Amino acid sequence: MTVIVRDLRPDVRADAEGFARVRQLALPYILFTPESLVHDLTRTHPDARFRQLVAEQDGEIIGTAQVGLAHESTEPGQGFANVYVHPGRTGRGAGGLLVRTAEAHLSDAGATTSYAWVLDAPSHRAFAERRGYTASRSAHFLRLDLAGGALPPPRTPPPGVELRTAADFADDPRALFALDAETTRDEPSDIDTEFADYEAWLEGTWRHPLFSHELTSVVVVDGRPAAFSAARTDGGTRYGTVMTGTARAFRGRGLAKLAKNDSLHRARAAGCTEAFTGNDSGNGPMLAINKWFGYDICATEVRYVRELG
């Protein structure tokens, strides 16, 4: 009955399946597949010192952790340790053992701060606070019923504006990299992020197994990508937007709505029945856009932080 913590083995299918199963039960609002987890583990930039840990009891994976350095942060020493335990296997010590192992790895990697997302529930928050973590910002998970809900009708772009997909940029996606980098810099976060490595972006975003080039909509203004809604799917009926944004020079023109509406219609036509997204609780403009589309908040997470020393 002893719980052990070890690294996920990317070449063992049962490991990835067990990890994905726990995450799907603990966080049903985020898309995970065994293939996406292996991709994250094997393709993340080495500077991230990224590890995926599993807590195992009697051969069953009952807990998971993703831990590493925010290597794209403008401030060094920022680490993350996101721990989730099978909802039916709590109280066995798996979570605490995962946290201790994750923090030891971060300290060895040179991190001075550990950030952790925690579900906004009394037991989860108490777990973090007992381990010296302090609450910071919060974020919402949102869900939209694509099968039974009503979407705003498709919009015809105004003159000089085109709707395309990421697939149209397959030969050279650098313009989308630049757009993603600019909009990501303006996202509310405890950790500043700056995309400067094009090859790392290709591996982590463009070639990610969940990323859908066909469902990612791009608004082009006078030949320049100006707004986009980046889509992921699990290969089944679940769809998620992981980033919707507009370049600074084009804001205030409704282009993010145009991109997201187009992506949602494409997703429904492709057979997706559920749409998920997430927003920082302080990101009023995107929360308003998602409310306009009919999304409902289905869960909230709180970002906790602890200084390592």
C-alpha atoms as a PDB file:
ATOM      1  CA  MET A   1       0.000   0.000   0.000  1.00  0.00           C
ATOM      2  CA  THR A   2       3.046   2.304  -0.100  1.00  0.00           C
ATOM      3  CA  VAL A   3       2.812   5.317  -2.385  1.00  0.00           C
ATOM      4  CA  ILE A   4       5.891   6.002  -4.510  1.00  0.00           C
ATOM      5  CA  VAL A   5       6.703   8.943  -6.777  1.00  0.00           C
ATOM      6  CA  ARG A   6       8.629   8.505  -9.987  1.00  0.00           C
ATOM      7  CA  ASP A   7       9.026  10.054 -13.419  1.00  0.00           C
ATOM      8  CA  LEU A   8       6.540   9.309 -16.144  1.00  0.00           C
ATOM      9  CA  ARG A   9       8.115   6.915 -18.658  1.00  0.00           C
ATOM     10  CA  PRO A  10       7.372   8.263 -22.142  1.00  0.00           C
ATOM     11  CA  ASP A  11       7.966   4.897 -23.783  1.00  0.00           C
ATOM     12  CA  VAL A  12       5.428   3.091 -21.564  1.00  0.00           C
ATOM     13  CA  ARG A  13       1.917   3.602 -22.902  1.00  0.00           C
ATOM     14  CA  ALA A  14       0.281   2.680 -19.584  1.00  0.00           C
ATOM     15  CA  ASP A  15       2.106   5.548 -17.869  1.00  0.00           C
ATOM     16  CA  ALA A  16       0.767   8.180 -20.260  1.00  0.00           C
ATOM     17  CA  GLU A  17      -2.709   6.653 -20.146  1.00  0.00           C
ATOM     18  CA  GLY A  18      -2.694   6.634 -16.345  1.00  0.00           C
ATOM     19  CA  PHE A  19      -1.473  10.230 -16.181  1.00  0.00           C
ATOM     20  CA  ALA A  20      -4.115  11.358 -18.697  1.00  0.00           C
ATOM     21  CA  ARG A  21      -6.861   9.510 -16.811  1.00  0.00           C
ATOM     22  CA  VAL A  22      -6.041  11.237 -13.522  1.00  0.00           C
ATOM     23  CA  ARG A  23      -5.881  14.652 -15.180  1.00  0.00           C
ATOM     24  CA  GLN A  24      -9.155  14.118 -17.018  1.00  0.00           C
ATOM     25  CA  LEU A  25     -10.872  13.220 -13.741  1.00  0.00           C
ATOM     26  CA  ALA A  26      -9.321  16.068 -11.766  1.00  0.00           C
ATOM     27  CA  LEU A  27      -9.517  18.694 -14.544  1.00  0.00           C
ATOM     28  CA  PRO A  28     -12.239  17.748 -17.015  1.00  0.00           C
ATOM     29  CA  TYR A  29     -12.124  21.292 -18.453  1.00  0.00           C
ATOM     30  CA  ILE A  30      -8.662  20.882 -20.041  1.00  0.00           C
ATOM     31  CA  LEU A  31      -7.789  18.601 -22.930  1.00  0.00           C
ATOM     32  CA  PHE A  32      -5.244  15.856 -22.222  1.00  0.00           C
ATOM     33  CA  THR A  33      -4.329  12.793 -24.244  1.00  0.00           C
ATOM     34  CA  PRO A  34      -1.517  10.283 -23.775  1.00  0.00           C
ATOM     35  CA  GLU A  35       0.055  11.615 -26.985  1.00  0.00           C
ATOM     36  CA  SER A  36      -0.047  15.220 -25.812  1.00  0.00           C
ATOM     37  CA  LEU A  37       1.571  14.331 -22.489  1.00  0.00           C
ATOM     38  CA  VAL A  38       4.425  12.460 -24.163  1.00  0.00           C
ATOM     39  CA  HIS A  39       4.896  15.346 -26.585  1.00  0.00           C
ATOM     40  CA  ASP A  40       5.106  17.827 -23.693  1.00  0.00           C
ATOM     41  CA  LEU A  41       7.634  15.658 -21.886  1.00  0.00           C
ATOM     42  CA  THR A  42       9.895  14.958 -24.850  1.00  0.00           C
ATOM     43  CA  ARG A  43       9.631  18.234 -26.809  1.00  0.00           C
ATOM     44  CA  THR A  44       9.655  20.937 -24.131  1.00  0.00           C
ATOM     45  CA  HIS A  45      12.783  23.110 -24.281  1.00  0.00           C
ATOM     46  CA  PRO A  46      15.639  21.704 -22.166  1.00  0.00           C
ATOM     47  CA  ASP A  47      15.970  25.002 -20.292  1.00  0.00           C
ATOM     48  CA  ALA A  48      12.562  24.354 -18.741  1.00  0.00           C
ATOM     49  CA  ARG A  49      13.967  21.380 -16.803  1.00  0.00           C
ATOM     50  CA  PHE A  50      10.489  19.931 -17.291  1.00  0.00           C
ATOM     51  CA  ARG A  51       9.407  16.733 -15.542  1.00  0.00           C
ATOM     52  CA  GLN A  52       6.136  14.864 -15.287  1.00  0.00           C
ATOM     53  CA  LEU A  53       5.832  12.916 -12.069  1.00  0.00           C
ATOM     54  CA  VAL A  54       3.398  10.179 -11.116  1.00  0.00           C
ATOM     55  CA  ALA A  55       2.383   8.913  -7.707  1.00  0.00           C
ATOM     56  CA  GLU A  56       1.796   5.171  -7.859  1.00  0.00           C
ATOM     57  CA  GLN A  57       0.173   2.793  -5.403  1.00  0.00           C
ATOM     58  CA  ASP A  58      -0.079  -0.944  -6.022  1.00  0.00           C
ATOM     59  CA  GLY A  59       0.621  -0.384  -9.721  1.00  0.00           C
ATOM     60  CA  GLU A  60      -2.082   2.288 -10.136  1.00  0.00           C
ATOM     61  CA  ILE A  61      -1.235   5.900 -10.978  1.00  0.00           C
ATOM     62  CA  ILE A  62      -3.200   7.960  -8.453  1.00  0.00           C
ATOM     63  CA  GLY A  63      -1.466  11.350  -8.659  1.00  0.00           C
ATOM     64  CA  THR A  64       0.365  13.542 -11.155  1.00  0.00           C
ATOM     65  CA  ALA A  65       2.619  16.581 -11.230  1.00  0.00           C
ATOM     66  CA  GLN A  66       4.001  18.800 -13.957  1.00  0.00           C
ATOM     67  CA  VAL A  67       7.034  20.711 -12.745  1.00  0.00           C
ATOM     68  CA  GLY A  68       9.644  22.923 -14.323  1.00  0.00           C
ATOM     69  CA  LEU A  69      11.066  26.385 -14.859  1.00  0.00           C
ATOM     70  CA  ALA A  70       9.264  29.198 -16.644  1.00  0.00           C
ATOM     71  CA  HIS A  71      12.231  29.513 -18.996  1.00  0.00           C
ATOM     72  CA  GLU A  72      10.424  32.051 -21.213  1.00  0.00           C
ATOM     73  CA  SER A  73       9.953  34.396 -18.268  1.00  0.00           C
ATOM     74  CA  THR A  74      11.806  37.695 -18.263  1.00  0.00           C
ATOM     75  CA  GLU A  75      12.614  37.075 -14.590  1.00  0.00           C
ATOM     76  CA  PRO A  76      14.845  34.086 -13.806  1.00  0.00           C
ATOM     77  CA  GLY A  77      14.132  31.643 -11.007  1.00  0.00           C
ATOM     78  CA  GLN A  78      10.404  31.260 -11.592  1.00  0.00           C
ATOM     79  CA  GLY A  79       9.223  27.671 -11.242  1.00  0.00           C
ATOM     80  CA  PHE A  80       5.911  25.851 -11.358  1.00  0.00           C
ATOM     81  CA  ALA A  81       4.578  22.697  -9.724  1.00  0.00           C
ATOM     82  CA  ASN A  82       1.030  21.721 -10.629  1.00  0.00           C
ATOM     83  CA  VAL A  83      -0.174  18.689  -8.662  1.00  0.00           C
ATOM     84  CA  TYR A  84      -3.455  16.846  -9.177  1.00  0.00           C
ATOM     85  CA  VAL A  85      -4.603  13.644  -7.492  1.00  0.00           C
ATOM     86  CA  HIS A  86      -7.299  11.205  -8.598  1.00  0.00           C
ATOM     87  CA  PRO A  87     -10.482  12.507  -6.866  1.00  0.00           C
ATOM     88  CA  GLY A  88     -11.219   9.018  -5.549  1.00  0.00           C
ATOM     89  CA  ARG A  89      -7.706   8.433  -4.203  1.00  0.00           C
ATOM     90  CA  THR A  90      -7.129  11.440  -1.968  1.00  0.00           C
ATOM     91  CA  GLY A  91      -5.962  11.156   1.630  1.00  0.00           C
ATOM     92  CA  ARG A  92      -3.219   8.631   0.862  1.00  0.00           C
ATOM     93  CA  GLY A  93      -0.254  11.023   0.940  1.00  0.00           C
ATOM     94  CA  ALA A  94       0.241  11.167  -2.821  1.00  0.00           C
ATOM     95  CA  GLY A  95      -0.227  14.928  -3.106  1.00  0.00           C
ATOM     96  CA  GLY A  96       2.226  15.810  -0.353  1.00  0.00           C
ATOM     97  CA  LEU A  97       4.862  13.441  -1.706  1.00  0.00           C
ATOM     98  CA  LEU A  98       4.479  14.912  -5.192  1.00  0.00           C
ATOM     99  CA  VAL A  99       4.849  18.462  -3.863  1.00  0.00           C
ATOM    100  CA  ARG A 100       8.014  17.615  -1.922  1.00  0.00           C
ATOM    101  CA  THR A 101       9.570  15.882  -4.916  1.00  0.00           C
ATOM    102  CA  ALA A 102       8.611  18.728  -7.238  1.00  0.00           C
ATOM    103  CA  GLU A 103      10.009  21.405  -4.929  1.00  0.00           C
ATOM    104  CA  ALA A 104      13.294  19.518  -4.520  1.00  0.00           C
ATOM    105  CA  HIS A 105      13.623  19.394  -8.307  1.00  0.00           C
ATOM    106  CA  LEU A 106      12.895  23.113  -8.622  1.00  0.00           C
ATOM    107  CA  SER A 107      15.480  23.988  -5.985  1.00  0.00           C
ATOM    108  CA  ASP A 108      18.084  21.844  -7.722  1.00  0.00           C
ATOM    109  CA  ALA A 109      17.220  23.600 -11.009  1.00  0.00           C
ATOM    110  CA  GLY A 110      17.816  27.032  -9.480  1.00  0.00           C
ATOM    111  CA  ALA A 111      14.237  28.153  -8.908  1.00  0.00           C
ATOM    112  CA  THR A 112      13.595  30.634  -6.118  1.00  0.00           C
ATOM    113  CA  THR A 113       9.805  30.696  -6.426  1.00  0.00           C
ATOM    114  CA  SER A 114       7.223  27.965  -6.957  1.00  0.00           C
ATOM    115  CA  TYR A 115       3.825  28.710  -8.472  1.00  0.00           C
ATOM    116  CA  ALA A 116       0.985  26.200  -8.304  1.00  0.00           C
ATOM    117  CA  TRP A 117      -2.555  26.200  -9.635  1.00  0.00           C
ATOM    118  CA  VAL A 118      -5.067  24.899  -7.075  1.00  0.00           C
ATOM    119  CA  LEU A 119      -8.781  24.296  -7.542  1.00  0.00           C
ATOM    120  CA  ASP A 120     -10.871  26.839  -5.650  1.00  0.00           C
ATOM    121  CA  ALA A 121     -12.290  24.427  -3.088  1.00  0.00           C
ATOM    122  CA  PRO A 122     -11.697  24.462   0.694  1.00  0.00           C
ATOM    123  CA  SER A 123      -9.795  21.159   0.774  1.00  0.00           C
ATOM    124  CA  HIS A 124      -7.517  22.087  -2.124  1.00  0.00           C
ATOM    125  CA  ARG A 125      -6.763  25.545  -0.786  1.00  0.00           C
ATOM    126  CA  ALA A 126      -6.054  24.160   2.694  1.00  0.00           C
ATOM    127  CA  PHE A 127      -3.656  21.618   1.148  1.00  0.00           C
ATOM    128  CA  ALA A 128      -1.630  24.433  -0.444  1.00  0.00           C
ATOM    129  CA  GLU A 129      -1.696  26.683   2.597  1.00  0.00           C
ATOM    130  CA  ARG A 130      -0.481  23.916   4.926  1.00  0.00           C
ATOM    131  CA  ARG A 131       2.606  23.704   2.732  1.00  0.00           C
ATOM    132  CA  GLY A 132       3.419  27.400   2.959  1.00  0.00           C
ATOM    133  CA  TYR A 133       1.769  28.619  -0.226  1.00  0.00           C
ATOM    134  CA  THR A 134      -0.019  31.966  -0.396  1.00  0.00           C
ATOM    135  CA  ALA A 135      -2.954  32.726  -2.682  1.00  0.00           C
ATOM    136  CA  SER A 136      -2.377  35.046  -5.623  1.00  0.00           C
ATOM    137  CA  ARG A 137      -4.564  35.572  -8.704  1.00  0.00           C
ATOM    138  CA  SER A 138      -7.416  33.362  -9.879  1.00  0.00           C
ATOM    139  CA  ALA A 139      -8.655  32.093 -13.226  1.00  0.00           C
ATOM    140  CA  HIS A 140     -11.886  30.599 -14.503  1.00  0.00           C
ATOM    141  CA  PHE A 141     -12.604  27.562 -16.632  1.00  0.00           C
ATOM    142  CA  LEU A 142     -15.515  28.115 -19.002  1.00  0.00           C
ATOM    143  CA  ARG A 143     -17.683  25.706 -20.992  1.00  0.00           C
ATOM    144  CA  LEU A 144     -19.993  26.154 -23.965  1.00  0.00           C
ATOM    145  CA  ASP A 145     -22.509  23.587 -25.202  1.00  0.00           C
ATOM    146  CA  LEU A 146     -21.712  23.448 -28.917  1.00  0.00           C
ATOM    147  CA  ALA A 147     -24.248  20.733 -29.662  1.00  0.00           C
ATOM    148  CA  GLY A 148     -27.313  22.277 -28.038  1.00  0.00           C
ATOM    149  CA  GLY A 149     -26.415  25.931 -27.659  1.00  0.00           C
ATOM    150  CA  ALA A 150     -26.868  28.749 -30.155  1.00  0.00           C
ATOM    151  CA  LEU A 151     -23.882  30.535 -31.651  1.00  0.00           C
ATOM    152  CA  PRO A 152     -23.973  34.052 -33.057  1.00  0.00           C
ATOM    153  CA  PRO A 153     -24.405  33.806 -36.841  1.00  0.00           C
ATOM    154  CA  PRO A 154     -21.248  33.795 -38.974  1.00  0.00           C
ATOM    155  CA  ARG A 155     -20.072  37.300 -39.782  1.00  0.00           C
ATOM    156  CA  THR A 156     -18.900  38.624 -43.117  1.00  0.00           C
ATOM    157  CA  PRO A 157     -15.581  40.420 -42.644  1.00  0.00           C
ATOM    158  CA  PRO A 158     -15.510  44.121 -43.542  1.00  0.00           C
ATOM    159  CA  PRO A 159     -13.548  45.363 -46.577  1.00  0.00           C
ATOM    160  CA  GLY A 160      -9.805  44.735 -46.286  1.00  0.00           C
ATOM    161  CA  VAL A 161     -10.326  41.977 -43.696  1.00  0.00           C
ATOM    162  CA  GLU A 162     -10.102  38.231 -44.410  1.00  0.00           C
ATOM    163  CA  LEU A 163     -10.796  35.120 -42.373  1.00  0.00           C
ATOM    164  CA  ARG A 164      -8.256  32.350 -42.775  1.00  0.00           C
ATOM    165  CA  THR A 165      -7.081  29.348 -40.781  1.00  0.00           C
ATOM    166  CA  ALA A 166      -3.690  28.414 -39.430  1.00  0.00           C
ATOM    167  CA  ALA A 167      -3.511  25.782 -42.158  1.00  0.00           C
ATOM    168  CA  ASP A 168      -3.163  28.628 -44.673  1.00  0.00           C
ATOM    169  CA  PHE A 169       0.171  29.494 -43.037  1.00  0.00           C
ATOM    170  CA  ALA A 170       1.614  25.973 -43.151  1.00  0.00           C
ATOM    171  CA  ASP A 171       4.486  26.972 -45.435  1.00  0.00           C
ATOM    172  CA  ASP A 172       5.663  29.736 -43.116  1.00  0.00           C
ATOM    173  CA  PRO A 173       3.941  30.281 -39.754  1.00  0.00           C
ATOM    174  CA  ARG A 174       6.359  32.997 -38.565  1.00  0.00           C
ATOM    175  CA  ALA A 175       3.671  35.677 -38.804  1.00  0.00           C
ATOM    176  CA  LEU A 176       1.501  33.671 -36.405  1.00  0.00           C
ATOM    177  CA  PHE A 177       4.455  33.231 -34.067  1.00  0.00           C
ATOM    178  CA  ALA A 178       4.892  37.006 -33.977  1.00  0.00           C
ATOM    179  CA  LEU A 179       1.173  37.530 -33.312  1.00  0.00           C
ATOM    180  CA  ASP A 180       1.112  34.916 -30.554  1.00  0.00           C
ATOM    181  CA  ALA A 181       4.213  36.441 -28.952  1.00  0.00           C
ATOM    182  CA  GLU A 182       2.759  39.948 -28.937  1.00  0.00           C
ATOM    183  CA  THR A 183      -0.605  38.962 -27.489  1.00  0.00           C
ATOM    184  CA  THR A 184       0.919  36.619 -24.897  1.00  0.00           C
ATOM    185  CA  ARG A 185       3.033  39.466 -23.513  1.00  0.00           C
ATOM    186  CA  ASP A 186      -0.188  41.309 -22.665  1.00  0.00           C
ATOM    187  CA  GLU A 187      -1.917  38.389 -20.936  1.00  0.00           C
ATOM    188  CA  PRO A 188      -2.513  38.934 -17.186  1.00  0.00           C
ATOM    189  CA  SER A 189      -0.172  36.640 -15.261  1.00  0.00           C
ATOM    190  CA  ASP A 190       2.090  36.384 -12.234  1.00  0.00           C
ATOM    191  CA  ILE A 191       4.916  35.428 -14.581  1.00  0.00           C
ATOM    192  CA  ASP A 192       5.884  37.592 -17.539  1.00  0.00           C
ATOM    193  CA  THR A 193       6.267  35.493 -20.672  1.00  0.00           C
ATOM    194  CA  GLU A 194       8.213  36.461 -23.757  1.00  0.00           C
ATOM    195  CA  PHE A 195       8.282  34.164 -26.787  1.00  0.00           C
ATOM    196  CA  ALA A 196      11.678  34.683 -28.371  1.00  0.00           C
ATOM    197  CA  ASP A 197      12.544  31.188 -29.610  1.00  0.00           C
ATOM    198  CA  TYR A 198      10.763  30.373 -32.864  1.00  0.00           C
ATOM    199  CA  GLU A 199      11.874  26.740 -32.903  1.00  0.00           C
ATOM    200  CA  ALA A 200      10.606  26.217 -29.355  1.00  0.00           C
ATOM    201  CA  TRP A 201       7.260  27.731 -30.373  1.00  0.00           C
ATOM    202  CA  LEU A 202       7.047  25.380 -33.335  1.00  0.00           C
ATOM    203  CA  GLU A 203       7.537  22.378 -31.039  1.00  0.00           C
ATOM    204  CA  GLY A 204       5.339  23.582 -28.192  1.00  0.00           C
ATOM    205  CA  THR A 205       2.492  25.121 -30.174  1.00  0.00           C
ATOM    206  CA  TRP A 206       2.510  24.579 -33.920  1.00  0.00           C
ATOM    207  CA  ARG A 207       3.421  20.875 -33.854  1.00  0.00           C
ATOM    208  CA  HIS A 208       1.580  20.024 -30.657  1.00  0.00           C
ATOM    209  CA  PRO A 209      -0.661  16.973 -31.201  1.00  0.00           C
ATOM    210  CA  LEU A 210      -3.710  18.768 -29.773  1.00  0.00           C
ATOM    211  CA  PHE A 211      -3.301  21.893 -31.910  1.00  0.00           C
ATOM    212  CA  SER A 212      -5.801  22.127 -34.765  1.00  0.00           C
ATOM    213  CA  HIS A 213      -4.562  24.092 -37.762  1.00  0.00           C
ATOM    214  CA  GLU A 214      -7.967  23.740 -39.433  1.00  0.00           C
ATOM    215  CA  LEU A 215      -9.975  25.072 -36.462  1.00  0.00           C
ATOM    216  CA  THR A 216      -7.573  27.884 -35.547  1.00  0.00           C
ATOM    217  CA  SER A 217      -9.006  31.024 -37.121  1.00  0.00           C
ATOM    218  CA  VAL A 218      -6.871  33.979 -38.167  1.00  0.00           C
ATOM    219  CA  VAL A 219      -8.098  37.473 -39.067  1.00  0.00           C
ATOM    220  CA  VAL A 220      -5.915  39.086 -41.712  1.00  0.00           C
ATOM    221  CA  VAL A 221      -6.055  42.855 -42.252  1.00  0.00           C
ATOM    222  CA  ASP A 222      -4.458  44.199 -45.416  1.00  0.00           C
ATOM    223  CA  GLY A 223      -2.366  41.041 -45.667  1.00  0.00           C
ATOM    224  CA  ARG A 224      -1.181  41.030 -42.041  1.00  0.00           C
ATOM    225  CA  PRO A 225      -2.398  38.585 -39.350  1.00  0.00           C
ATOM    226  CA  ALA A 226      -4.103  40.855 -36.837  1.00  0.00           C
ATOM    227  CA  ALA A 227      -6.123  38.528 -34.559  1.00  0.00           C
ATOM    228  CA  PHE A 228      -6.517  34.832 -33.963  1.00  0.00           C
ATOM    229  CA  SER A 229      -8.209  32.163 -31.898  1.00  0.00           C
ATOM    230  CA  ALA A 230      -5.957  29.154 -31.322  1.00  0.00           C
ATOM    231  CA  ALA A 231      -7.828  25.854 -31.120  1.00  0.00           C
ATOM    232  CA  ARG A 232      -7.064  22.430 -29.719  1.00  0.00           C
ATOM    233  CA  THR A 233      -9.061  19.210 -29.952  1.00  0.00           C
ATOM    234  CA  ASP A 234      -8.724  15.805 -28.338  1.00  0.00           C
ATOM    235  CA  GLY A 235      -9.445  14.023 -31.604  1.00  0.00           C
ATOM    236  CA  GLY A 236     -13.026  13.420 -30.491  1.00  0.00           C
ATOM    237  CA  THR A 237     -15.805  15.830 -29.620  1.00  0.00           C
ATOM    238  CA  ARG A 238     -13.997  18.134 -27.179  1.00  0.00           C
ATOM    239  CA  TYR A 239     -12.568  21.438 -28.396  1.00  0.00           C
ATOM    240  CA  GLY A 240     -10.770  24.217 -26.574  1.00  0.00           C
ATOM    241  CA  THR A 241      -9.419  27.662 -27.341  1.00  0.00           C
ATOM    242  CA  VAL A 242      -6.112  28.222 -25.602  1.00  0.00           C
ATOM    243  CA  MET A 243      -5.440  31.772 -26.789  1.00  0.00           C
ATOM    244  CA  THR A 244      -7.548  34.452 -28.433  1.00  0.00           C
ATOM    245  CA  GLY A 245      -5.931  37.795 -29.036  1.00  0.00           C
ATOM    246  CA  THR A 246      -5.462  40.829 -31.225  1.00  0.00           C
ATOM    247  CA  ALA A 247      -2.291  42.719 -32.126  1.00  0.00           C
ATOM    248  CA  ARG A 248      -2.127  46.051 -30.322  1.00  0.00           C
ATOM    249  CA  ALA A 249      -2.493  48.134 -33.485  1.00  0.00           C
ATOM    250  CA  PHE A 250      -5.825  46.474 -34.336  1.00  0.00           C
ATOM    251  CA  ARG A 251      -7.611  46.381 -30.989  1.00  0.00           C
ATOM    252  CA  GLY A 252     -11.058  47.849 -30.477  1.00  0.00           C
ATOM    253  CA  ARG A 253     -12.382  46.667 -33.853  1.00  0.00           C
ATOM    254  CA  GLY A 254     -14.065  43.418 -32.788  1.00  0.00           C
ATOM    255  CA  LEU A 255     -11.481  41.232 -34.521  1.00  0.00           C
ATOM    256  CA  ALA A 256     -11.055  38.800 -31.612  1.00  0.00           C
ATOM    257  CA  LYS A 257     -14.813  38.160 -31.672  1.00  0.00           C
ATOM    258  CA  LEU A 258     -14.645  37.639 -35.428  1.00  0.00           C
ATOM    259  CA  ALA A 259     -11.841  35.075 -35.072  1.00  0.00           C
ATOM    260  CA  LYS A 260     -13.436  33.199 -32.182  1.00  0.00           C
ATOM    261  CA  ASN A 261     -16.868  33.072 -33.813  1.00  0.00           C
ATOM    262  CA  ASP A 262     -15.353  31.623 -36.966  1.00  0.00           C
ATOM    263  CA  SER A 263     -13.399  29.023 -34.984  1.00  0.00           C
ATOM    264  CA  LEU A 264     -16.478  27.985 -32.980  1.00  0.00           C
ATOM    265  CA  HIS A 265     -18.535  27.520 -36.138  1.00  0.00           C
ATOM    266  CA  ARG A 266     -15.737  25.460 -37.687  1.00  0.00           C
ATOM    267  CA  ALA A 267     -15.543  23.327 -34.535  1.00  0.00           C
ATOM    268  CA  ARG A 268     -19.265  22.620 -34.497  1.00  0.00           C
ATOM    269  CA  ALA A 269     -19.222  21.754 -38.210  1.00  0.00           C
ATOM    270  CA  ALA A 270     -16.368  19.329 -37.492  1.00  0.00           C
ATOM    271  CA  GLY A 271     -18.484  17.457 -34.933  1.00  0.00           C
ATOM    272  CA  CYS A 272     -17.264  19.011 -31.691  1.00  0.00           C
ATOM    273  CA  THR A 273     -19.967  19.136 -29.030  1.00  0.00           C
ATOM    274  CA  GLU A 274     -18.207  20.880 -26.110  1.00  0.00           C
ATOM    275  CA  ALA A 275     -16.063  24.007 -26.132  1.00  0.00           C
ATOM    276  CA  PHE A 276     -13.740  24.924 -23.262  1.00  0.00           C
ATOM    277  CA  THR A 277     -11.589  27.912 -22.548  1.00  0.00           C
ATOM    278  CA  GLY A 278      -9.960  29.667 -19.607  1.00  0.00           C
ATOM    279  CA  ASN A 279      -9.621  33.277 -18.517  1.00  0.00           C
ATOM    280  CA  ASP A 280      -7.783  35.116 -15.809  1.00  0.00           C
ATOM    281  CA  SER A 281     -10.432  36.502 -13.477  1.00  0.00           C
ATOM    282  CA  GLY A 282      -9.030  39.981 -14.092  1.00  0.00           C
ATOM    283  CA  ASN A 283      -9.262  39.728 -17.871  1.00  0.00           C
ATOM    284  CA  GLY A 284     -12.544  41.570 -18.207  1.00  0.00           C
ATOM    285  CA  PRO A 285     -12.524  41.989 -22.016  1.00  0.00           C
ATOM    286  CA  MET A 286     -12.156  38.275 -22.756  1.00  0.00           C
ATOM    287  CA  LEU A 287     -14.615  37.277 -20.031  1.00  0.00           C
ATOM    288  CA  ALA A 288     -17.127  39.631 -21.638  1.00  0.00           C
ATOM    289  CA  ILE A 289     -16.486  38.145 -25.079  1.00  0.00           C
ATOM    290  CA  ASN A 290     -16.930  34.604 -23.790  1.00  0.00           C
ATOM    291  CA  LYS A 291     -20.112  35.551 -21.934  1.00  0.00           C
ATOM    292  CA  TRP A 292     -21.422  37.024 -25.198  1.00  0.00           C
ATOM    293  CA  PHE A 293     -20.814  33.668 -26.887  1.00  0.00           C
ATOM    294  CA  GLY A 294     -22.723  31.874 -24.128  1.00  0.00           C
ATOM    295  CA  TYR A 295     -19.874  30.332 -22.126  1.00  0.00           C
ATOM    296  CA  ASP A 296     -20.560  29.574 -18.464  1.00  0.00           C
ATOM    297  CA  ILE A 297     -17.945  29.425 -15.714  1.00  0.00           C
ATOM    298  CA  CYS A 298     -17.669  25.782 -14.668  1.00  0.00           C
ATOM    299  CA  ALA A 299     -14.747  25.945 -12.209  1.00  0.00           C
ATOM    300  CA  THR A 300     -12.145  28.300 -10.774  1.00  0.00           C
ATOM    301  CA  GLU A 301      -8.483  27.837  -9.936  1.00  0.00           C
ATOM    302  CA  VAL A 302      -6.321  29.944  -7.647  1.00  0.00           C
ATOM    303  CA  ARG A 303      -2.637  30.569  -8.296  1.00  0.00           C
ATOM    304  CA  TYR A 304      -0.605  29.920  -5.157  1.00  0.00           C
ATOM    305  CA  VAL A 305       3.014  30.944  -4.638  1.00  0.00           C
ATOM    306  CA  ARG A 306       5.808  29.973  -2.243  1.00  0.00           C
ATOM    307  CA  GLU A 307       9.346  31.238  -1.965  1.00  0.00           C
ATOM    308  CA  LEU A 308      11.864  28.405  -2.044  1.00  0.00           C
ATOM    309  CA  GLY A 309      14.871  28.621   0.219  1.00  0.00           C
END
